[in-house]
All heavy atoms as atom14 arrays in JSON, in Angstrom:
{
  "sequence": "DNSGSVRNVQLRYSGTVLSNGDELQALTTGGVGSGTTFEN",
  "atom14_mask": [
    [1, 1, 1, 1, 1, 1, 1, 1, 0, 0, 0, 0, 0, 0],
    [1, 1, 1, 1, 1, 1, 1, 1, 0, 0, 0, 0, 0, 0],
    [1, 1, 1, 1, 1, 1, 0, 0, 0, 0, 0, 0, 0, 0],
    [1, 1, 1, 1, 0, 0, 0, 0, 0, 0, 0, 0, 0, 0],
    [1, 1, 1, 1, 1, 1, 0, 0, 0, 0, 0, 0, 0, 0],
    [1, 1, 1, 1, 1, 1, 1, 0, 0, 0, 0, 0, 0, 0],
    [1, 1, 1, 1, 1, 1, 1, 1, 1, 1, 1, 0, 0, 0],
    [1, 1, 1, 1, 1, 1, 1, 1, 0, 0, 0, 0, 0, 0],
    [1, 1, 1, 1, 1, 1, 1, 0, 0, 0, 0, 0, 0, 0],
    [1, 1, 1, 1, 1, 1, 1, 1, 1, 0, 0, 0, 0, 0],
    [1, 1, 1, 1, 1, 1, 1, 1, 0, 0, 0, 0, 0, 0],
    [1, 1, 1, 1, 1, 1, 1, 1, 1, 1, 1, 0, 0, 0],
    [1, 1, 1, 1, 1, 1, 1, 1, 1, 1, 1, 1, 0, 0],
    [1, 1, 1, 1, 1, 1, 0, 0, 0, 0, 0, 0, 0, 0],
    [1, 1, 1, 1, 0, 0, 0, 0, 0, 0, 0, 0, 0, 0],
    [1, 1, 1, 1, 1, 1, 1, 0, 0, 0, 0, 0, 0, 0],
    [1, 1, 1, 1, 1, 1, 1, 0, 0, 0, 0, 0, 0, 0],
    [1, 1, 1, 1, 1, 1, 1, 1, 0, 0, 0, 0, 0, 0],
    [1, 1, 1, 1, 1, 1, 0, 0, 0, 0, 0, 0, 0, 0],
    [1, 1, 1, 1, 1, 1, 1, 1, 0, 0, 0, 0, 0, 0],
    [1, 1, 1, 1, 0, 0, 0, 0, 0, 0, 0, 0, 0, 0],
    [1, 1, 1, 1, 1, 1, 1, 1, 0, 0, 0, 0, 0, 0],
    [1, 1, 1, 1, 1, 1, 1, 1, 1, 0, 0, 0, 0, 0],
    [1, 1, 1, 1, 1, 1, 1, 1, 0, 0, 0, 0, 0, 0],
    [1, 1, 1, 1, 1, 1, 1, 1, 1, 0, 0, 0, 0, 0],
    [1, 1, 1, 1, 1, 0, 0, 0, 0, 0, 0, 0, 0, 0],
    [1, 1, 1, 1, 1, 1, 1, 1, 0, 0, 0, 0, 0, 0],
    [1, 1, 1, 1, 1, 1, 1, 0, 0, 0, 0, 0, 0, 0],
    [1, 1, 1, 1, 1, 1, 1, 0, 0, 0, 0, 0, 0, 0],
    [1, 1, 1, 1, 0, 0, 0, 0, 0, 0, 0, 0, 0, 0],
    [1, 1, 1, 1, 0, 0, 0, 0, 0, 0, 0, 0, 0, 0],
    [1, 1, 1, 1, 1, 1, 1, 0, 0, 0, 0, 0, 0, 0],
    [1, 1, 1, 1, 0, 0, 0, 0, 0, 0, 0, 0, 0, 0],
    [1, 1, 1, 1, 1, 1, 0, 0, 0, 0, 0, 0, 0, 0],
    [1, 1, 1, 1, 0, 0, 0, 0, 0, 0, 0, 0, 0, 0],
    [1, 1, 1, 1, 1, 1, 1, 0, 0, 0, 0, 0, 0, 0],
    [1, 1, 1, 1, 1, 1, 1, 0, 0, 0, 0, 0, 0, 0],
    [1, 1, 1, 1, 1, 1, 1, 1, 1, 1, 1, 0, 0, 0],
    [1, 1, 1, 1, 1, 1, 1, 1, 1, 0, 0, 0, 0, 0],
    [1, 1, 1, 1, 1, 1, 1, 1, 0, 0, 0, 0, 0, 0]
  ],
  "atom14_positions": [
    [[25.46, -27.33, 36.19], [25.79, -28.41, 35.26], [25.18, -28.12, 33.88], [24.12, -27.5, 33.76], [25.25, -29.73, 35.81], [25.74, -30.93, 35.03], [26.92, -30.94, 34.65], [24.94, -31.85, 34.8], [0.0, 0.0, 0.0], [0.0, 0.0, 0.0], [0.0, 0.0, 0.0], [0.0, 0.0, 0.0], [0.0, 0.0, 0.0], [0.0, 0.0, 0.0]],
    [[25.87, -28.6, 32.84], [25.45, -28.33, 31.46], [25.2, -29.65, 30.73], [26.14, -30.4, 30.46], [26.53, -27.52, 30.74], [26.12, -27.11, 29.33], [25.11, -27.56, 28.8], [26.91, -26.26, 28.71], [0.0, 0.0, 0.0], [0.0, 0.0, 0.0], [0.0, 0.0, 0.0], [0.0, 0.0, 0.0], [0.0, 0.0, 0.0], [0.0, 0.0, 0.0]],
    [[23.94, -29.91, 30.4], [23.57, -31.12, 29.64], [23.34, -30.83, 28.17], [22.87, -31.7, 27.44], [22.31, -31.76, 30.25], [22.54, -32.16, 31.58], [0.0, 0.0, 0.0], [0.0, 0.0, 0.0], [0.0, 0.0, 0.0], [0.0, 0.0, 0.0], [0.0, 0.0, 0.0], [0.0, 0.0, 0.0], [0.0, 0.0, 0.0], [0.0, 0.0, 0.0]],
    [[23.63, -29.6, 27.74], [23.53, -29.27, 26.32], [22.53, -28.18, 26.03], [22.29, -27.28, 26.86], [0.0, 0.0, 0.0], [0.0, 0.0, 0.0], [0.0, 0.0, 0.0], [0.0, 0.0, 0.0], [0.0, 0.0, 0.0], [0.0, 0.0, 0.0], [0.0, 0.0, 0.0], [0.0, 0.0, 0.0], [0.0, 0.0, 0.0], [0.0, 0.0, 0.0]],
    [[21.89, -28.26, 24.87], [21.01, -27.2, 24.39], [19.9, -27.81, 23.56], [20.16, -28.64, 22.68], [21.81, -26.19, 23.56], [20.98, -25.17, 23.05], [0.0, 0.0, 0.0], [0.0, 0.0, 0.0], [0.0, 0.0, 0.0], [0.0, 0.0, 0.0], [0.0, 0.0, 0.0], [0.0, 0.0, 0.0], [0.0, 0.0, 0.0], [0.0, 0.0, 0.0]],
    [[18.66, -27.39, 23.83], [17.5, -27.83, 23.06], [16.72, -26.59, 22.66], [16.15, -25.9, 23.51], [16.61, -28.79, 23.87], [15.43, -29.26, 23.03], [17.41, -29.99, 24.37], [0.0, 0.0, 0.0], [0.0, 0.0, 0.0], [0.0, 0.0, 0.0], [0.0, 0.0, 0.0], [0.0, 0.0, 0.0], [0.0, 0.0, 0.0], [0.0, 0.0, 0.0]],
    [[16.69, -26.3, 21.36], [16.02, -25.11, 20.86], [15.17, -25.46, 19.63], [15.58, -26.26, 18.8], [17.04, -24.04, 20.41], [17.85, -23.37, 21.5], [18.64, -22.23, 20.87], [19.37, -21.43, 21.83], [20.68, -21.56, 22.06], [21.37, -22.47, 21.38], [21.29, -20.78, 22.93], [0.0, 0.0, 0.0], [0.0, 0.0, 0.0], [0.0, 0.0, 0.0]],
    [[14.01, -24.82, 19.54], [13.15, -24.97, 18.36], [12.92, -26.44, 18.03], [13.32, -26.95, 16.97], [13.75, -24.22, 17.16], [13.89, -22.74, 17.42], [12.93, -22.07, 17.78], [15.1, -22.22, 17.27], [0.0, 0.0, 0.0], [0.0, 0.0, 0.0], [0.0, 0.0, 0.0], [0.0, 0.0, 0.0], [0.0, 0.0, 0.0], [0.0, 0.0, 0.0]],
    [[12.3, -27.12, 18.97], [12.09, -28.57, 18.88], [10.62, -28.89, 19.12], [9.99, -28.34, 20.02], [12.97, -29.31, 19.9], [12.53, -30.77, 20.05], [14.44, -29.25, 19.49], [0.0, 0.0, 0.0], [0.0, 0.0, 0.0], [0.0, 0.0, 0.0], [0.0, 0.0, 0.0], [0.0, 0.0, 0.0], [0.0, 0.0, 0.0], [0.0, 0.0, 0.0]],
    [[10.07, -29.79, 18.28], [8.72, -30.33, 18.49], [8.83, -31.77, 18.96], [9.6, -32.56, 18.4], [7.91, -30.3, 17.19], [7.65, -28.92, 16.62], [6.96, -28.99, 15.27], [6.34, -30.0, 14.92], [7.07, -27.91, 14.49], [0.0, 0.0, 0.0], [0.0, 0.0, 0.0], [0.0, 0.0, 0.0], [0.0, 0.0, 0.0], [0.0, 0.0, 0.0]],
    [[8.01, -32.12, 19.97], [7.92, -33.48, 20.46], [6.47, -33.92, 20.3], [5.6, -33.49, 21.05], [8.34, -33.54, 21.93], [9.8, -33.13, 22.19], [9.97, -32.56, 23.59], [10.74, -34.31, 21.98], [0.0, 0.0, 0.0], [0.0, 0.0, 0.0], [0.0, 0.0, 0.0], [0.0, 0.0, 0.0], [0.0, 0.0, 0.0], [0.0, 0.0, 0.0]],
    [[6.2, -34.74, 19.28], [4.82, -35.09, 18.91], [4.47, -36.52, 19.34], [5.3, -37.43, 19.24], [4.64, -35.0, 17.4], [4.98, -33.68, 16.75], [4.74, -33.78, 15.25], [5.06, -32.57, 14.5], [4.92, -32.46, 13.19], [4.47, -33.49, 12.47], [5.23, -31.34, 12.56], [0.0, 0.0, 0.0], [0.0, 0.0, 0.0], [0.0, 0.0, 0.0]],
    [[3.22, -36.72, 19.73], [2.6, -38.05, 19.92], [3.41, -38.94, 20.86], [3.55, -40.15, 20.63], [2.42, -38.74, 18.56], [1.61, -37.94, 17.58], [2.2, -37.37, 16.46], [0.25, -37.73, 17.78], [1.45, -36.63, 15.54], [-0.51, -36.99, 16.88], [0.1, -36.44, 15.76], [-0.64, -35.7, 14.87], [0.0, 0.0, 0.0], [0.0, 0.0, 0.0]],
    [[3.95, -38.38, 21.93], [4.81, -39.12, 22.85], [4.0, -39.63, 24.04], [2.78, -39.51, 24.09], [5.94, -38.22, 23.32], [5.37, -37.12, 24.04], [0.0, 0.0, 0.0], [0.0, 0.0, 0.0], [0.0, 0.0, 0.0], [0.0, 0.0, 0.0], [0.0, 0.0, 0.0], [0.0, 0.0, 0.0], [0.0, 0.0, 0.0], [0.0, 0.0, 0.0]],
    [[4.73, -40.18, 25.02], [4.12, -40.64, 26.26], [3.79, -42.12, 26.22], [2.99, -42.56, 25.4], [0.0, 0.0, 0.0], [0.0, 0.0, 0.0], [0.0, 0.0, 0.0], [0.0, 0.0, 0.0], [0.0, 0.0, 0.0], [0.0, 0.0, 0.0], [0.0, 0.0, 0.0], [0.0, 0.0, 0.0], [0.0, 0.0, 0.0], [0.0, 0.0, 0.0]],
    [[4.41, -42.86, 27.1], [4.22, -44.31, 27.11], [4.14, -44.81, 28.54], [4.94, -44.4, 29.38], [5.38, -45.02, 26.39], [5.43, -44.57, 25.04], [5.2, -46.52, 26.41], [0.0, 0.0, 0.0], [0.0, 0.0, 0.0], [0.0, 0.0, 0.0], [0.0, 0.0, 0.0], [0.0, 0.0, 0.0], [0.0, 0.0, 0.0], [0.0, 0.0, 0.0]],
    [[3.21, -45.71, 28.83], [3.14, -46.39, 30.12], [3.92, -47.68, 29.99], [3.6, -48.54, 29.16], [1.68, -46.68, 30.52], [1.63, -47.4, 31.85], [0.88, -45.39, 30.59], [0.0, 0.0, 0.0], [0.0, 0.0, 0.0], [0.0, 0.0, 0.0], [0.0, 0.0, 0.0], [0.0, 0.0, 0.0], [0.0, 0.0, 0.0], [0.0, 0.0, 0.0]],
    [[4.96, -47.82, 30.81], [5.78, -49.03, 30.75], [5.29, -50.06, 31.76], [4.39, -49.81, 32.55], [7.25, -48.66, 31.0], [7.84, -47.68, 29.98], [9.28, -47.39, 30.3], [7.72, -48.23, 28.56], [0.0, 0.0, 0.0], [0.0, 0.0, 0.0], [0.0, 0.0, 0.0], [0.0, 0.0, 0.0], [0.0, 0.0, 0.0], [0.0, 0.0, 0.0]],
    [[5.91, -51.22, 31.74], [5.4, -52.35, 32.52], [5.47, -52.13, 34.02], [4.72, -52.73, 34.78], [6.2, -53.62, 32.16], [7.59, -53.41, 32.41], [0.0, 0.0, 0.0], [0.0, 0.0, 0.0], [0.0, 0.0, 0.0], [0.0, 0.0, 0.0], [0.0, 0.0, 0.0], [0.0, 0.0, 0.0], [0.0, 0.0, 0.0], [0.0, 0.0, 0.0]],
    [[6.37, -51.26, 34.47], [6.47, -51.03, 35.91], [5.48, -49.97, 36.4], [5.52, -49.56, 37.55], [7.9, -50.61, 36.28], [8.35, -49.35, 35.55], [7.6, -48.76, 34.78], [9.57, -48.94, 35.79], [0.0, 0.0, 0.0], [0.0, 0.0, 0.0], [0.0, 0.0, 0.0], [0.0, 0.0, 0.0], [0.0, 0.0, 0.0], [0.0, 0.0, 0.0]],
    [[4.6, -49.52, 35.53], [3.57, -48.57, 35.91], [4.0, -47.12, 35.79], [3.17, -46.22, 35.91], [0.0, 0.0, 0.0], [0.0, 0.0, 0.0], [0.0, 0.0, 0.0], [0.0, 0.0, 0.0], [0.0, 0.0, 0.0], [0.0, 0.0, 0.0], [0.0, 0.0, 0.0], [0.0, 0.0, 0.0], [0.0, 0.0, 0.0], [0.0, 0.0, 0.0]],
    [[5.31, -46.87, 35.57], [5.77, -45.51, 35.35], [5.43, -45.06, 33.95], [5.15, -45.87, 33.06], [7.29, -45.42, 35.57], [7.67, -45.54, 37.03], [6.82, -45.25, 37.89], [8.81, -45.96, 37.32], [0.0, 0.0, 0.0], [0.0, 0.0, 0.0], [0.0, 0.0, 0.0], [0.0, 0.0, 0.0], [0.0, 0.0, 0.0], [0.0, 0.0, 0.0]],
    [[5.5, -43.74, 33.75], [5.1, -43.18, 32.46], [6.16, -42.21, 31.95], [6.82, -41.52, 32.73], [3.76, -42.46, 32.59], [2.62, -43.37, 32.99], [1.34, -42.62, 33.33], [1.43, -41.52, 33.9], [0.25, -43.16, 33.03], [0.0, 0.0, 0.0], [0.0, 0.0, 0.0], [0.0, 0.0, 0.0], [0.0, 0.0, 0.0], [0.0, 0.0, 0.0]],
    [[6.31, -42.18, 30.65], [7.18, -41.22, 29.99], [6.34, -40.09, 29.42], [5.23, -40.31, 28.93], [7.96, -41.87, 28.86], [9.16, -42.74, 29.26], [9.7, -43.46, 28.04], [10.25, -41.87, 29.88], [0.0, 0.0, 0.0], [0.0, 0.0, 0.0], [0.0, 0.0, 0.0], [0.0, 0.0, 0.0], [0.0, 0.0, 0.0], [0.0, 0.0, 0.0]],
    [[6.86, -38.88, 29.48], [6.21, -37.74, 28.85], [7.08, -37.2, 27.73], [8.17, -37.71, 27.5], [5.9, -36.63, 29.85], [6.98, -36.36, 30.87], [6.93, -37.3, 32.05], [5.85, -37.64, 32.54], [8.07, -37.72, 32.53], [0.0, 0.0, 0.0], [0.0, 0.0, 0.0], [0.0, 0.0, 0.0], [0.0, 0.0, 0.0], [0.0, 0.0, 0.0]],
    [[6.61, -36.18, 27.04], [7.35, -35.66, 25.89], [8.77, -35.28, 26.28], [9.74, -35.73, 25.67], [6.62, -34.46, 25.3], [0.0, 0.0, 0.0], [0.0, 0.0, 0.0], [0.0, 0.0, 0.0], [0.0, 0.0, 0.0], [0.0, 0.0, 0.0], [0.0, 0.0, 0.0], [0.0, 0.0, 0.0], [0.0, 0.0, 0.0], [0.0, 0.0, 0.0]],
    [[8.92, -34.43, 27.3], [10.24, -34.01, 27.77], [10.33, -34.26, 29.26], [9.51, -33.76, 30.04], [10.48, -32.53, 27.47], [11.76, -31.93, 28.07], [13.0, -32.6, 27.45], [11.82, -30.43, 27.87], [0.0, 0.0, 0.0], [0.0, 0.0, 0.0], [0.0, 0.0, 0.0], [0.0, 0.0, 0.0], [0.0, 0.0, 0.0], [0.0, 0.0, 0.0]],
    [[11.34, -35.02, 29.67], [11.63, -35.27, 31.08], [13.03, -34.76, 31.36], [13.98, -35.13, 30.66], [11.57, -36.76, 31.42], [10.29, -37.28, 31.08], [11.83, -37.0, 32.9], [0.0, 0.0, 0.0], [0.0, 0.0, 0.0], [0.0, 0.0, 0.0], [0.0, 0.0, 0.0], [0.0, 0.0, 0.0], [0.0, 0.0, 0.0], [0.0, 0.0, 0.0]],
    [[13.18, -33.91, 32.37], [14.5, -33.51, 32.8], [14.72, -34.02, 34.23], [13.81, -33.96, 35.06], [14.71, -31.99, 32.77], [13.88, -31.36, 33.76], [14.39, -31.42, 31.4], [0.0, 0.0, 0.0], [0.0, 0.0, 0.0], [0.0, 0.0, 0.0], [0.0, 0.0, 0.0], [0.0, 0.0, 0.0], [0.0, 0.0, 0.0], [0.0, 0.0, 0.0]],
    [[15.91, -34.52, 34.49], [16.27, -34.97, 35.83], [17.57, -34.33, 36.26], [18.62, -34.63, 35.73], [0.0, 0.0, 0.0], [0.0, 0.0, 0.0], [0.0, 0.0, 0.0], [0.0, 0.0, 0.0], [0.0, 0.0, 0.0], [0.0, 0.0, 0.0], [0.0, 0.0, 0.0], [0.0, 0.0, 0.0], [0.0, 0.0, 0.0], [0.0, 0.0, 0.0]],
    [[17.48, -33.4, 37.21], [18.68, -32.79, 37.75], [19.52, -32.03, 36.75], [20.75, -31.94, 36.91], [0.0, 0.0, 0.0], [0.0, 0.0, 0.0], [0.0, 0.0, 0.0], [0.0, 0.0, 0.0], [0.0, 0.0, 0.0], [0.0, 0.0, 0.0], [0.0, 0.0, 0.0], [0.0, 0.0, 0.0], [0.0, 0.0, 0.0], [0.0, 0.0, 0.0]],
    [[18.92, -31.46, 35.71], [19.72, -30.65, 34.78], [20.12, -29.35, 35.48], [19.43, -28.85, 36.36], [18.98, -30.35, 33.46], [18.64, -31.62, 32.72], [17.74, -29.5, 33.71], [0.0, 0.0, 0.0], [0.0, 0.0, 0.0], [0.0, 0.0, 0.0], [0.0, 0.0, 0.0], [0.0, 0.0, 0.0], [0.0, 0.0, 0.0], [0.0, 0.0, 0.0]],
    [[21.27, -28.8, 35.08], [21.76, -27.57, 35.69], [21.47, -26.35, 34.86], [21.0, -26.43, 33.71], [0.0, 0.0, 0.0], [0.0, 0.0, 0.0], [0.0, 0.0, 0.0], [0.0, 0.0, 0.0], [0.0, 0.0, 0.0], [0.0, 0.0, 0.0], [0.0, 0.0, 0.0], [0.0, 0.0, 0.0], [0.0, 0.0, 0.0], [0.0, 0.0, 0.0]],
    [[21.8, -25.2, 35.42], [21.5, -23.92, 34.77], [22.32, -23.71, 33.51], [21.99, -22.84, 32.69], [21.75, -22.76, 35.74], [23.12, -22.74, 36.15], [0.0, 0.0, 0.0], [0.0, 0.0, 0.0], [0.0, 0.0, 0.0], [0.0, 0.0, 0.0], [0.0, 0.0, 0.0], [0.0, 0.0, 0.0], [0.0, 0.0, 0.0], [0.0, 0.0, 0.0]],
    [[23.38, -24.5, 33.31], [24.16, -24.4, 32.08], [23.45, -24.99, 30.88], [23.89, -24.79, 29.74], [0.0, 0.0, 0.0], [0.0, 0.0, 0.0], [0.0, 0.0, 0.0], [0.0, 0.0, 0.0], [0.0, 0.0, 0.0], [0.0, 0.0, 0.0], [0.0, 0.0, 0.0], [0.0, 0.0, 0.0], [0.0, 0.0, 0.0], [0.0, 0.0, 0.0]],
    [[22.36, -25.71, 31.1], [21.59, -26.31, 30.02], [20.63, -25.28, 29.44], [19.97, -24.55, 30.19], [20.8, -27.52, 30.55], [21.68, -28.38, 31.27], [20.16, -28.29, 29.41], [0.0, 0.0, 0.0], [0.0, 0.0, 0.0], [0.0, 0.0, 0.0], [0.0, 0.0, 0.0], [0.0, 0.0, 0.0], [0.0, 0.0, 0.0], [0.0, 0.0, 0.0]],
    [[20.53, -25.22, 28.13], [19.69, -24.23, 27.46], [18.42, -24.87, 26.93], [18.48, -25.9, 26.24], [20.45, -23.58, 26.29], [21.63, -22.93, 26.8], [19.58, -22.56, 25.56], [0.0, 0.0, 0.0], [0.0, 0.0, 0.0], [0.0, 0.0, 0.0], [0.0, 0.0, 0.0], [0.0, 0.0, 0.0], [0.0, 0.0, 0.0], [0.0, 0.0, 0.0]],
    [[17.29, -24.25, 27.24], [16.0, -24.67, 26.69], [15.3, -23.44, 26.11], [15.14, -22.43, 26.8], [15.1, -25.28, 27.78], [15.62, -26.55, 28.37], [16.18, -26.56, 29.64], [15.54, -27.75, 27.68], [16.67, -27.73, 30.2], [16.02, -28.93, 28.23], [16.59, -28.92, 29.5], [0.0, 0.0, 0.0], [0.0, 0.0, 0.0], [0.0, 0.0, 0.0]],
    [[14.85, -23.56, 24.86], [14.18, -22.43, 24.22], [13.27, -22.94, 23.11], [13.7, -23.74, 22.27], [15.21, -21.46, 23.64], [14.61, -20.22, 22.99], [15.69, -19.3, 22.43], [16.86, -19.45, 22.81], [15.34, -18.44, 21.61], [0.0, 0.0, 0.0], [0.0, 0.0, 0.0], [0.0, 0.0, 0.0], [0.0, 0.0, 0.0], [0.0, 0.0, 0.0]],
    [[12.03, -22.5, 23.11], [11.07, -22.83, 22.06], [10.9, -24.34, 21.89], [11.38, -24.95, 20.93], [11.47, -22.19, 20.72], [11.38, -20.69, 20.74], [10.88, -20.09, 21.69], [11.88, -20.05, 19.7], [0.0, 0.0, 0.0], [0.0, 0.0, 0.0], [0.0, 0.0, 0.0], [0.0, 0.0, 0.0], [0.0, 0.0, 0.0], [0.0, 0.0, 0.0]]
  ]
}
């Protein structure tokens, strides 16, 4: 599966604890396929 392309990207000052106790991080991937490109 192909979810797109992310290259040369900065993710600064992220991460949040939400009310249900779960947390977000800078980059979260869920079930992305090999057609998706990640670089730098």
